[in-house]
Amino acid sequence: MRPAGTGTYRGASAEERRDQRRRRLLDAGLDMIATQGWAATTVRGVCEQAKVGPRFFYESFDDLDALAAAVHDEIVQSALGHAMEAVLAADDDPRAKLTAGIGTIILELTEDPRRARVAFAEAHGSETLMRRRFTAMRTIADNVREQTREIVEPAEGTNSPAAADAMLQAFAQLLTGGVAEVVLVWVDGGLDMDRDDLVATCVEFTITMLERLPAMSGRLGNRLNIVAH
């Protein structure tokens, strides 16, 4: 006799049915956290919206925090992965690569505004999401710093490469946090511009900051140079 929950049912294997239930739970979690807020999100509510029995919730997630973490990770990993693909495919020009990377992340987070709210706004209501947000912001900033190294590097004879690197990290964190906040304001209707203008504005701010980095680092004794392209 075949164990319960195994085998093919209506053309789908047990594993396929589990994956389908998990997908519906993730979609319901995204919707509830983004539209109703973390405080109002419950296992029962998620299950009702996903049309998944409560007992099946726990085959995919240990608890509501685990669901929220999975939703957040999926958003960030998708945005970062597509952004890196866009940067690699872009012309070998700083402006083109910045536009590709920033534009792709903004598109990923604003095409479905719920993603931006879960990634940045609702994190403040959940310790789990807050930790995920912190890690995600650091990860994005690290990627920004690595891309920036191709444009800005320590000047010849720099006494403290570590200090110069710390300045690049500070730049990356400021940029990442600033873009996140601007995206949230835009999603909430606080900026009267379309998405293309939003991307262009963020790119211009980034380029302006990069152009000012050598002078700023000189005043701080870190000595950075813009690399000629």
Protein backbone atom coordinates (compact mmCIF):
# COMPACT_ATOMS: atom_id res chain seq x y z
CA MET A 1 0.00 0.00 0.00
CA ARG A 2 1.43 3.40 -1.01
CA PRO A 3 2.21 5.82 1.87
CA ALA A 4 -0.04 8.89 2.12
CA GLY A 5 1.28 11.93 0.29
CA THR A 6 3.40 9.98 -2.19
CA GLY A 7 2.89 9.04 -5.81
CA THR A 8 1.18 10.91 -8.61
CA TYR A 9 -2.09 12.77 -8.10
CA ARG A 10 -3.85 14.59 -10.93
CA GLY A 11 -0.70 14.41 -13.00
CA ALA A 12 1.61 15.87 -10.32
CA SER A 13 4.11 13.97 -8.20
CA ALA A 14 4.27 14.39 -4.42
CA GLU A 15 7.37 16.57 -4.80
CA GLU A 16 5.69 18.75 -7.41
CA ARG A 17 2.65 19.21 -5.17
CA ARG A 18 4.90 20.23 -2.25
CA ASP A 19 6.67 22.74 -4.50
CA GLN A 20 3.32 24.14 -5.66
CA ARG A 21 2.10 24.52 -2.07
CA ARG A 22 5.36 26.22 -1.08
CA ARG A 23 5.06 28.60 -4.03
CA ARG A 24 1.52 29.55 -3.05
CA LEU A 25 2.61 30.12 0.55
CA LEU A 26 5.49 32.35 -0.57
CA ASP A 27 3.17 34.36 -2.81
CA ALA A 28 0.60 34.72 -0.02
CA GLY A 29 3.32 35.69 2.45
CA LEU A 30 4.63 38.39 0.12
CA ASP A 31 1.15 39.79 -0.37
CA MET A 32 0.12 39.78 3.29
CA ILE A 33 3.36 41.21 4.67
CA ALA A 34 3.43 43.95 2.03
CA THR A 35 -0.25 44.95 2.10
CA GLN A 36 -1.36 44.21 5.67
CA GLY A 37 1.94 44.57 7.50
CA TRP A 38 4.01 42.10 9.47
CA ALA A 39 2.01 42.60 12.67
CA ALA A 40 -1.20 41.48 10.93
CA THR A 41 0.35 38.49 9.16
CA THR A 42 -0.51 35.09 10.64
CA VAL A 43 0.00 31.47 9.68
CA ARG A 44 -3.76 31.01 9.43
CA GLY A 45 -4.16 34.07 7.21
CA VAL A 46 -1.33 33.01 4.91
CA CYS A 47 -2.77 29.49 4.63
CA GLU A 48 -6.24 30.80 3.84
CA GLN A 49 -4.95 33.09 1.11
CA ALA A 50 -2.72 30.36 -0.32
CA LYS A 51 -5.53 27.80 -0.07
CA VAL A 52 -3.17 25.46 1.73
CA GLY A 53 -4.12 23.53 4.84
CA PRO A 54 -2.27 24.61 8.01
CA ARG A 55 -0.66 21.20 8.40
CA PHE A 56 1.01 21.66 5.01
CA PHE A 57 2.47 25.01 6.05
CA TYR A 58 4.92 23.22 8.32
CA GLU A 59 6.18 20.86 5.64
CA SER A 60 7.86 23.91 4.06
CA PHE A 61 8.46 26.34 6.94
CA ASP A 62 9.21 25.95 10.64
CA ASP A 63 7.22 29.05 11.51
CA LEU A 64 6.07 32.43 10.22
CA ASP A 65 9.55 33.91 10.64
CA ALA A 66 10.97 31.23 8.35
CA LEU A 67 8.38 32.09 5.71
CA ALA A 68 9.20 35.81 5.99
CA ALA A 69 12.92 35.08 5.67
CA ALA A 70 12.33 32.96 2.57
CA VAL A 71 10.20 35.70 0.98
CA HIS A 72 12.84 38.34 1.71
CA ASP A 73 15.73 36.17 0.49
CA GLU A 74 13.95 35.41 -2.76
CA ILE A 75 13.41 39.13 -3.44
CA VAL A 76 17.00 40.11 -2.73
CA GLN A 77 18.62 37.17 -4.51
CA SER A 78 16.54 37.77 -7.63
CA ALA A 79 17.36 41.49 -7.68
CA LEU A 80 21.08 40.96 -7.10
CA GLY A 81 21.37 38.09 -9.56
CA HIS A 82 19.66 39.97 -12.37
CA ALA A 83 21.63 43.15 -11.57
CA MET A 84 24.96 41.33 -11.84
CA GLU A 85 23.88 39.79 -15.16
CA ALA A 86 22.94 43.26 -16.43
CA VAL A 87 26.28 44.75 -15.32
CA LEU A 88 28.26 42.00 -17.04
CA ALA A 89 26.25 42.46 -20.24
CA ALA A 90 26.59 46.26 -20.27
CA ASP A 91 29.18 48.17 -22.29
CA ASP A 92 32.59 48.58 -20.66
CA ASP A 93 31.80 52.08 -19.48
CA PRO A 94 31.18 53.22 -15.87
CA ARG A 95 27.94 55.05 -16.67
CA ALA A 96 26.58 52.13 -18.68
CA LYS A 97 27.39 49.62 -15.95
CA LEU A 98 26.00 51.83 -13.17
CA THR A 99 22.81 52.40 -15.15
CA ALA A 100 22.47 48.67 -15.81
CA GLY A 101 23.03 47.65 -12.19
CA ILE A 102 21.01 50.36 -10.47
CA GLY A 103 18.28 50.24 -13.10
CA THR A 104 17.84 46.49 -12.80
CA ILE A 105 17.62 46.56 -9.00
CA ILE A 106 15.09 49.40 -9.08
CA LEU A 107 13.04 47.61 -11.73
CA GLU A 108 13.08 44.37 -9.72
CA LEU A 109 11.87 46.14 -6.58
CA THR A 110 9.32 48.48 -8.13
CA GLU A 111 7.74 46.46 -10.94
CA ASP A 112 5.93 44.76 -8.06
CA PRO A 113 5.97 47.44 -5.30
CA ARG A 114 5.22 44.78 -2.68
CA ARG A 115 8.80 43.60 -3.06
CA ALA A 116 10.21 46.99 -2.08
CA ARG A 117 7.93 47.16 0.96
CA VAL A 118 8.92 43.70 2.18
CA ALA A 119 12.62 44.24 1.45
CA PHE A 120 12.89 47.64 3.12
CA ALA A 121 9.80 48.88 4.96
CA GLU A 122 8.21 45.94 6.77
CA ALA A 123 11.59 44.81 8.08
CA HIS A 124 11.18 47.33 10.89
CA GLY A 125 8.34 45.27 12.35
CA SER A 126 10.14 41.93 12.47
CA GLU A 127 13.44 41.00 14.08
CA THR A 128 13.90 38.25 11.48
CA LEU A 129 13.23 40.61 8.57
CA MET A 130 15.41 43.28 10.16
CA ARG A 131 18.35 40.87 10.32
CA ARG A 132 17.66 39.85 6.72
CA ARG A 133 17.48 43.52 5.68
CA PHE A 134 20.79 44.27 7.39
CA THR A 135 22.48 41.31 5.70
CA ALA A 136 20.96 42.19 2.32
CA MET A 137 22.09 45.82 2.55
CA ARG A 138 25.62 44.69 3.42
CA THR A 139 25.61 42.22 0.53
CA ILE A 140 24.40 44.83 -1.96
CA ALA A 141 26.94 47.33 -0.62
CA ASP A 142 29.74 44.78 -1.00
CA ASN A 143 28.73 44.30 -4.63
CA VAL A 144 28.68 48.06 -5.13
CA ARG A 145 32.13 48.35 -3.59
CA GLU A 146 33.54 45.67 -5.88
CA GLN A 147 32.09 47.44 -8.93
CA THR A 148 33.43 50.76 -7.65
CA ARG A 149 36.96 49.35 -7.44
CA GLU A 150 36.98 49.32 -11.25
CA ILE A 151 36.42 53.07 -11.28
CA VAL A 152 38.15 54.24 -8.10
CA GLU A 153 41.38 52.89 -6.65
CA PRO A 154 43.96 53.97 -4.01
CA ALA A 155 46.39 56.56 -5.37
CA GLU A 156 50.03 55.59 -5.87
CA GLY A 157 51.96 55.88 -2.64
CA THR A 158 48.89 55.64 -0.43
CA ASN A 159 50.04 55.00 3.13
CA SER A 160 46.83 53.33 4.26
CA PRO A 161 45.10 51.14 1.67
CA ALA A 162 42.82 49.90 4.46
CA ALA A 163 41.59 53.44 5.11
CA ALA A 164 40.96 53.96 1.39
CA ASP A 165 39.02 50.69 1.29
CA ALA A 166 36.99 51.74 4.31
CA MET A 167 36.04 54.92 2.48
CA LEU A 168 34.85 52.89 -0.50
CA GLN A 169 32.79 50.77 1.87
CA ALA A 170 31.27 53.89 3.43
CA PHE A 171 30.41 55.17 -0.05
CA ALA A 172 28.78 51.84 -0.94
CA GLN A 173 26.70 51.82 2.25
CA LEU A 174 25.57 55.42 1.76
CA LEU A 175 24.61 54.69 -1.84
CA THR A 176 22.76 51.47 -0.98
CA GLY A 177 20.84 52.99 1.91
CA GLY A 178 20.04 56.14 -0.02
CA VAL A 179 18.69 54.31 -3.05
CA ALA A 180 16.59 52.07 -0.79
CA GLU A 181 14.96 55.07 0.88
CA VAL A 182 14.39 56.87 -2.43
CA VAL A 183 12.75 53.75 -3.86
CA LEU A 184 10.39 53.54 -0.87
CA VAL A 185 9.42 57.20 -1.21
CA TRP A 186 8.79 56.69 -4.94
CA VAL A 187 6.71 53.54 -4.36
CA ASP A 188 4.57 55.45 -1.87
CA GLY A 189 3.96 58.24 -4.41
CA GLY A 190 6.25 60.77 -2.78
CA LEU A 191 8.32 61.51 -5.90
CA ASP A 192 6.69 62.92 -9.02
CA MET A 193 8.77 61.14 -11.66
CA ASP A 194 8.53 58.00 -13.74
CA ARG A 195 10.75 54.96 -13.22
CA ASP A 196 13.22 55.95 -15.94
CA ASP A 197 13.71 59.33 -14.29
CA LEU A 198 14.11 57.62 -10.92
CA VAL A 199 16.88 55.42 -12.31
CA ALA A 200 18.55 58.37 -14.07
CA THR A 201 18.44 60.43 -10.86
CA CYS A 202 20.03 57.67 -8.80
CA VAL A 203 22.72 57.16 -11.45
CA GLU A 204 23.54 60.89 -11.56
CA PHE A 205 23.82 61.07 -7.78
CA THR A 206 26.11 58.03 -7.83
CA ILE A 207 28.38 59.45 -10.53
CA THR A 208 28.56 62.79 -8.72
CA MET A 209 29.54 61.05 -5.50
CA LEU A 210 32.18 59.02 -7.33
CA GLU A 211 33.65 62.15 -8.92
CA ARG A 212 33.92 63.76 -5.49
CA LEU A 213 35.53 60.76 -3.80
CA PRO A 214 39.17 61.62 -4.65
CA ALA A 215 38.84 65.15 -3.22
CA MET A 216 37.04 63.85 -0.14
CA SER A 217 39.59 61.11 0.40
CA GLY A 218 42.41 63.62 -0.04
CA ARG A 219 41.01 65.71 2.79
CA LEU A 220 40.77 62.59 4.93
CA GLY A 221 44.23 61.35 3.95
CA ASN A 222 42.96 58.17 2.24
CA ARG A 223 44.00 59.19 -1.28
CA LEU A 224 41.76 57.69 -3.92
CA ASN A 225 41.96 58.18 -7.68
CA ILE A 226 39.36 57.91 -10.42
CA VAL A 227 40.61 55.32 -12.89
CA ALA A 228 40.60 56.58 -16.49
CA HIS A 229 38.47 54.57 -18.93
